[in-house]
Amino acid sequence: MLDGAGALPERHRQVLGRAMAGEGCRDQDQLVLSHAVLGLLTEAAHDGPLLCTMDDLDAGDAPTARLLTLVARRLPHLPVVLLLVAGSDSGADAIPHHRLLPLDEPDSHALLAARRPGSPPPGPVLAGLSALAAGNAQALVDSRTR
């Protein structure tokens, strides 16, 4: 996606380049950076619909959450979906959001069975893992890899 940076204005490329190099972004450049990110998404969306995801938004820094919130509010006119996943309050309340409820026991069992090659685990194993995960889909998936 960074190939599209060449189509951005020079100032946008500079600010984006510094941010991508890990140099951060000065407060006065936050708006420029958000426009640069929006420009990249616009360029990438010329090739077709785009799904962008970020997990653990709440574990990141506040400037990143603000930038993504600003970008997300300006996406409705583009064929772009920005899916931000947070385990708790992320500071992104200004954009549409949906809180996922914990999986119930049948859905937990189905997820465990679907992620395991071959026959599903025995009932007591499914019940135990489901109880330990308390409806957390990621915990169920992680339990499958251990």
C-alpha atoms as a PDB file:
ATOM      1  CA  MET A   1       0.000   0.000   0.000  1.00  0.00           C
ATOM      2  CA  LEU A   2       2.945   2.332   0.587  1.00  0.00           C
ATOM      3  CA  ASP A   3       3.556   2.258  -3.164  1.00  0.00           C
ATOM      4  CA  GLY A   4       0.734   4.793  -3.381  1.00  0.00           C
ATOM      5  CA  ALA A   5       2.744   7.303  -1.330  1.00  0.00           C
ATOM      6  CA  GLY A   6       4.243   8.677  -4.526  1.00  0.00           C
ATOM      7  CA  ALA A   7       0.848  10.154  -5.420  1.00  0.00           C
ATOM      8  CA  LEU A   8       0.721  12.133  -2.165  1.00  0.00           C
ATOM      9  CA  PRO A   9       1.778  15.760  -1.820  1.00  0.00           C
ATOM     10  CA  GLU A  10       5.408  16.202  -0.719  1.00  0.00           C
ATOM     11  CA  ARG A  11       4.528  17.358   2.808  1.00  0.00           C
ATOM     12  CA  HIS A  12       2.284  14.314   3.298  1.00  0.00           C
ATOM     13  CA  ARG A  13       5.068  11.998   2.096  1.00  0.00           C
ATOM     14  CA  GLN A  14       7.561  13.582   4.507  1.00  0.00           C
ATOM     15  CA  VAL A  15       5.320  13.296   7.568  1.00  0.00           C
ATOM     16  CA  LEU A  16       4.228   9.775   6.626  1.00  0.00           C
ATOM     17  CA  GLY A  17       7.836   8.730   6.009  1.00  0.00           C
ATOM     18  CA  ARG A  18       8.922   9.938   9.447  1.00  0.00           C
ATOM     19  CA  ALA A  19       6.008   8.168  11.118  1.00  0.00           C
ATOM     20  CA  MET A  20       6.685   4.919   9.239  1.00  0.00           C
ATOM     21  CA  ALA A  21      10.364   5.131  10.195  1.00  0.00           C
ATOM     22  CA  GLY A  22       9.363   5.138  13.860  1.00  0.00           C
ATOM     23  CA  GLU A  23      10.190   8.795  14.407  1.00  0.00           C
ATOM     24  CA  GLY A  24       6.656   9.600  15.538  1.00  0.00           C
ATOM     25  CA  CYS A  25       4.626  12.600  14.545  1.00  0.00           C
ATOM     26  CA  ARG A  26       4.685  16.065  16.072  1.00  0.00           C
ATOM     27  CA  ASP A  27       1.360  17.359  17.367  1.00  0.00           C
ATOM     28  CA  GLN A  28       1.225  20.052  14.705  1.00  0.00           C
ATOM     29  CA  ASP A  29       1.631  17.366  11.982  1.00  0.00           C
ATOM     30  CA  GLN A  30      -1.173  15.056  13.165  1.00  0.00           C
ATOM     31  CA  LEU A  31      -3.688  16.470  10.677  1.00  0.00           C
ATOM     32  CA  VAL A  32      -1.167  16.192   7.838  1.00  0.00           C
ATOM     33  CA  LEU A  33      -0.469  12.577   8.806  1.00  0.00           C
ATOM     34  CA  SER A  34      -4.173  11.725   8.920  1.00  0.00           C
ATOM     35  CA  HIS A  35      -4.615  13.215   5.433  1.00  0.00           C
ATOM     36  CA  ALA A  36      -1.612  11.205   4.233  1.00  0.00           C
ATOM     37  CA  VAL A  37      -3.135   7.977   5.587  1.00  0.00           C
ATOM     38  CA  LEU A  38      -6.473   8.867   4.045  1.00  0.00           C
ATOM     39  CA  GLY A  39      -4.676   9.553   0.757  1.00  0.00           C
ATOM     40  CA  LEU A  40      -3.013   6.136   0.862  1.00  0.00           C
ATOM     41  CA  LEU A  41      -6.351   4.450   1.506  1.00  0.00           C
ATOM     42  CA  THR A  42      -7.925   6.406  -1.345  1.00  0.00           C
ATOM     43  CA  GLU A  43      -5.151   5.314  -3.722  1.00  0.00           C
ATOM     44  CA  ALA A  44      -5.405   1.678  -2.622  1.00  0.00           C
ATOM     45  CA  ALA A  45      -9.202   1.719  -2.981  1.00  0.00           C
ATOM     46  CA  HIS A  46      -8.861   2.575  -6.691  1.00  0.00           C
ATOM     47  CA  ASP A  47      -7.976  -1.100  -7.230  1.00  0.00           C
ATOM     48  CA  GLY A  48     -11.110  -2.325  -5.437  1.00  0.00           C
ATOM     49  CA  PRO A  49     -12.755  -2.475  -2.015  1.00  0.00           C
ATOM     50  CA  LEU A  50     -10.373  -2.465   0.907  1.00  0.00           C
ATOM     51  CA  LEU A  51     -10.572  -3.934   4.403  1.00  0.00           C
ATOM     52  CA  CYS A  52      -8.100  -2.537   6.935  1.00  0.00           C
ATOM     53  CA  THR A  53      -7.834  -4.049  10.379  1.00  0.00           C
ATOM     54  CA  MET A  54      -6.054  -3.174  13.594  1.00  0.00           C
ATOM     55  CA  ASP A  55      -6.173  -5.370  16.640  1.00  0.00           C
ATOM     56  CA  ASP A  56      -5.660  -4.162  20.214  1.00  0.00           C
ATOM     57  CA  LEU A  57      -6.363  -0.496  19.487  1.00  0.00           C
ATOM     58  CA  ASP A  58      -6.702   0.068  23.227  1.00  0.00           C
ATOM     59  CA  ALA A  59      -3.153  -1.199  23.779  1.00  0.00           C
ATOM     60  CA  GLY A  60      -1.701   1.402  21.425  1.00  0.00           C
ATOM     61  CA  ASP A  61      -0.873   5.022  21.978  1.00  0.00           C
ATOM     62  CA  ALA A  62      -3.434   7.838  22.117  1.00  0.00           C
ATOM     63  CA  PRO A  63      -2.143   9.688  19.004  1.00  0.00           C
ATOM     64  CA  THR A  64      -2.627   6.558  16.886  1.00  0.00           C
ATOM     65  CA  ALA A  65      -6.179   6.115  18.190  1.00  0.00           C
ATOM     66  CA  ARG A  66      -6.926   9.772  17.409  1.00  0.00           C
ATOM     67  CA  LEU A  67      -5.470   9.459  13.917  1.00  0.00           C
ATOM     68  CA  LEU A  68      -7.478   6.331  13.141  1.00  0.00           C
ATOM     69  CA  THR A  69     -10.637   7.947  14.506  1.00  0.00           C
ATOM     70  CA  LEU A  70     -10.108  10.969  12.271  1.00  0.00           C
ATOM     71  CA  VAL A  71      -9.464   8.777   9.231  1.00  0.00           C
ATOM     72  CA  ALA A  72     -12.461   6.534   9.976  1.00  0.00           C
ATOM     73  CA  ARG A  73     -14.831   9.512  10.083  1.00  0.00           C
ATOM     74  CA  ARG A  74     -13.766  10.466   6.563  1.00  0.00           C
ATOM     75  CA  LEU A  75     -14.126   7.024   4.962  1.00  0.00           C
ATOM     76  CA  PRO A  76     -17.871   6.824   4.167  1.00  0.00           C
ATOM     77  CA  HIS A  77     -17.334   8.033   0.604  1.00  0.00           C
ATOM     78  CA  LEU A  78     -14.709   5.361  -0.118  1.00  0.00           C
ATOM     79  CA  PRO A  79     -15.011   1.586  -0.639  1.00  0.00           C
ATOM     80  CA  VAL A  80     -12.958   1.114   2.540  1.00  0.00           C
ATOM     81  CA  VAL A  81     -13.864  -0.547   5.814  1.00  0.00           C
ATOM     82  CA  LEU A  82     -11.693   0.138   8.822  1.00  0.00           C
ATOM     83  CA  LEU A  83     -12.128  -2.562  11.460  1.00  0.00           C
ATOM     84  CA  LEU A  84     -10.581  -1.559  14.771  1.00  0.00           C
ATOM     85  CA  VAL A  85     -10.583  -4.128  17.556  1.00  0.00           C
ATOM     86  CA  ALA A  86     -10.254  -3.082  21.179  1.00  0.00           C
ATOM     87  CA  GLY A  87     -10.619  -5.064  24.376  1.00  0.00           C
ATOM     88  CA  SER A  88     -11.733  -2.042  26.362  1.00  0.00           C
ATOM     89  CA  ASP A  89     -12.406   1.674  25.968  1.00  0.00           C
ATOM     90  CA  SER A  90     -10.248   2.821  23.078  1.00  0.00           C
ATOM     91  CA  GLY A  91     -11.012   6.515  22.953  1.00  0.00           C
ATOM     92  CA  ALA A  92     -12.562   5.983  19.521  1.00  0.00           C
ATOM     93  CA  ASP A  93     -16.127   6.689  20.609  1.00  0.00           C
ATOM     94  CA  ALA A  94     -16.576   9.284  17.857  1.00  0.00           C
ATOM     95  CA  ILE A  95     -16.917   6.568  15.203  1.00  0.00           C
ATOM     96  CA  PRO A  96     -19.626   3.920  14.848  1.00  0.00           C
ATOM     97  CA  HIS A  97     -18.856   0.940  17.001  1.00  0.00           C
ATOM     98  CA  HIS A  98     -20.319  -2.347  18.115  1.00  0.00           C
ATOM     99  CA  ARG A  99     -19.430  -4.247  21.254  1.00  0.00           C
ATOM    100  CA  LEU A 100     -19.221  -7.977  20.667  1.00  0.00           C
ATOM    101  CA  LEU A 101     -20.786 -10.120  23.347  1.00  0.00           C
ATOM    102  CA  PRO A 102     -18.993 -13.191  24.689  1.00  0.00           C
ATOM    103  CA  LEU A 103     -19.631 -16.426  22.817  1.00  0.00           C
ATOM    104  CA  ASP A 104     -22.217 -18.691  24.376  1.00  0.00           C
ATOM    105  CA  GLU A 105     -21.367 -22.324  25.076  1.00  0.00           C
ATOM    106  CA  PRO A 106     -22.692 -23.783  21.782  1.00  0.00           C
ATOM    107  CA  ASP A 107     -20.781 -21.160  19.756  1.00  0.00           C
ATOM    108  CA  SER A 108     -17.645 -21.777  21.833  1.00  0.00           C
ATOM    109  CA  HIS A 109     -17.917 -25.513  21.146  1.00  0.00           C
ATOM    110  CA  ALA A 110     -18.473 -24.866  17.427  1.00  0.00           C
ATOM    111  CA  LEU A 111     -15.406 -22.617  17.233  1.00  0.00           C
ATOM    112  CA  LEU A 112     -13.218 -25.165  19.000  1.00  0.00           C
ATOM    113  CA  ALA A 113     -14.475 -27.961  16.776  1.00  0.00           C
ATOM    114  CA  ALA A 114     -13.977 -25.904  13.610  1.00  0.00           C
ATOM    115  CA  ARG A 115     -10.392 -24.990  14.517  1.00  0.00           C
ATOM    116  CA  ARG A 116      -9.334 -28.557  15.205  1.00  0.00           C
ATOM    117  CA  PRO A 117      -8.494 -30.890  12.332  1.00  0.00           C
ATOM    118  CA  GLY A 118     -10.144 -34.284  12.552  1.00  0.00           C
ATOM    119  CA  SER A 119     -12.774 -35.183  15.081  1.00  0.00           C
ATOM    120  CA  PRO A 120     -13.934 -32.606  17.639  1.00  0.00           C
ATOM    121  CA  PRO A 121     -12.546 -32.796  21.182  1.00  0.00           C
ATOM    122  CA  PRO A 122     -14.539 -34.891  23.675  1.00  0.00           C
ATOM    123  CA  GLY A 123     -17.477 -33.152  25.366  1.00  0.00           C
ATOM    124  CA  PRO A 124     -15.782 -32.669  28.748  1.00  0.00           C
ATOM    125  CA  VAL A 125     -12.753 -31.071  27.033  1.00  0.00           C
ATOM    126  CA  LEU A 126     -15.021 -28.725  25.063  1.00  0.00           C
ATOM    127  CA  ALA A 127     -16.897 -27.795  28.231  1.00  0.00           C
ATOM    128  CA  GLY A 128     -13.695 -27.185  30.190  1.00  0.00           C
ATOM    129  CA  LEU A 129     -12.080 -25.039  27.529  1.00  0.00           C
ATOM    130  CA  SER A 130     -15.307 -23.096  27.016  1.00  0.00           C
ATOM    131  CA  ALA A 131     -15.567 -22.411  30.733  1.00  0.00           C
ATOM    132  CA  LEU A 132     -11.930 -21.271  30.970  1.00  0.00           C
ATOM    133  CA  ALA A 133     -12.288 -18.924  27.996  1.00  0.00           C
ATOM    134  CA  ALA A 134     -15.498 -17.391  29.386  1.00  0.00           C
ATOM    135  CA  GLY A 135     -16.762 -16.616  25.877  1.00  0.00           C
ATOM    136  CA  ASN A 136     -13.530 -15.007  24.660  1.00  0.00           C
ATOM    137  CA  ALA A 137     -13.085 -16.201  21.065  1.00  0.00           C
ATOM    138  CA  GLN A 138      -9.374 -15.347  20.997  1.00  0.00           C
ATOM    139  CA  ALA A 139      -8.762 -17.386  24.146  1.00  0.00           C
ATOM    140  CA  LEU A 140     -10.506 -20.334  22.497  1.00  0.00           C
ATOM    141  CA  VAL A 141      -8.417 -20.021  19.349  1.00  0.00           C
ATOM    142  CA  ASP A 142      -5.237 -19.640  21.413  1.00  0.00           C
ATOM    143  CA  SER A 143      -6.107 -22.740  23.453  1.00  0.00           C
ATOM    144  CA  ARG A 144      -6.163 -24.697  20.225  1.00  0.00           C
ATOM    145  CA  THR A 145      -2.513 -23.861  19.512  1.00  0.00           C
ATOM    146  CA  ARG A 146      -1.176 -24.953  22.886  1.00  0.00           C
END
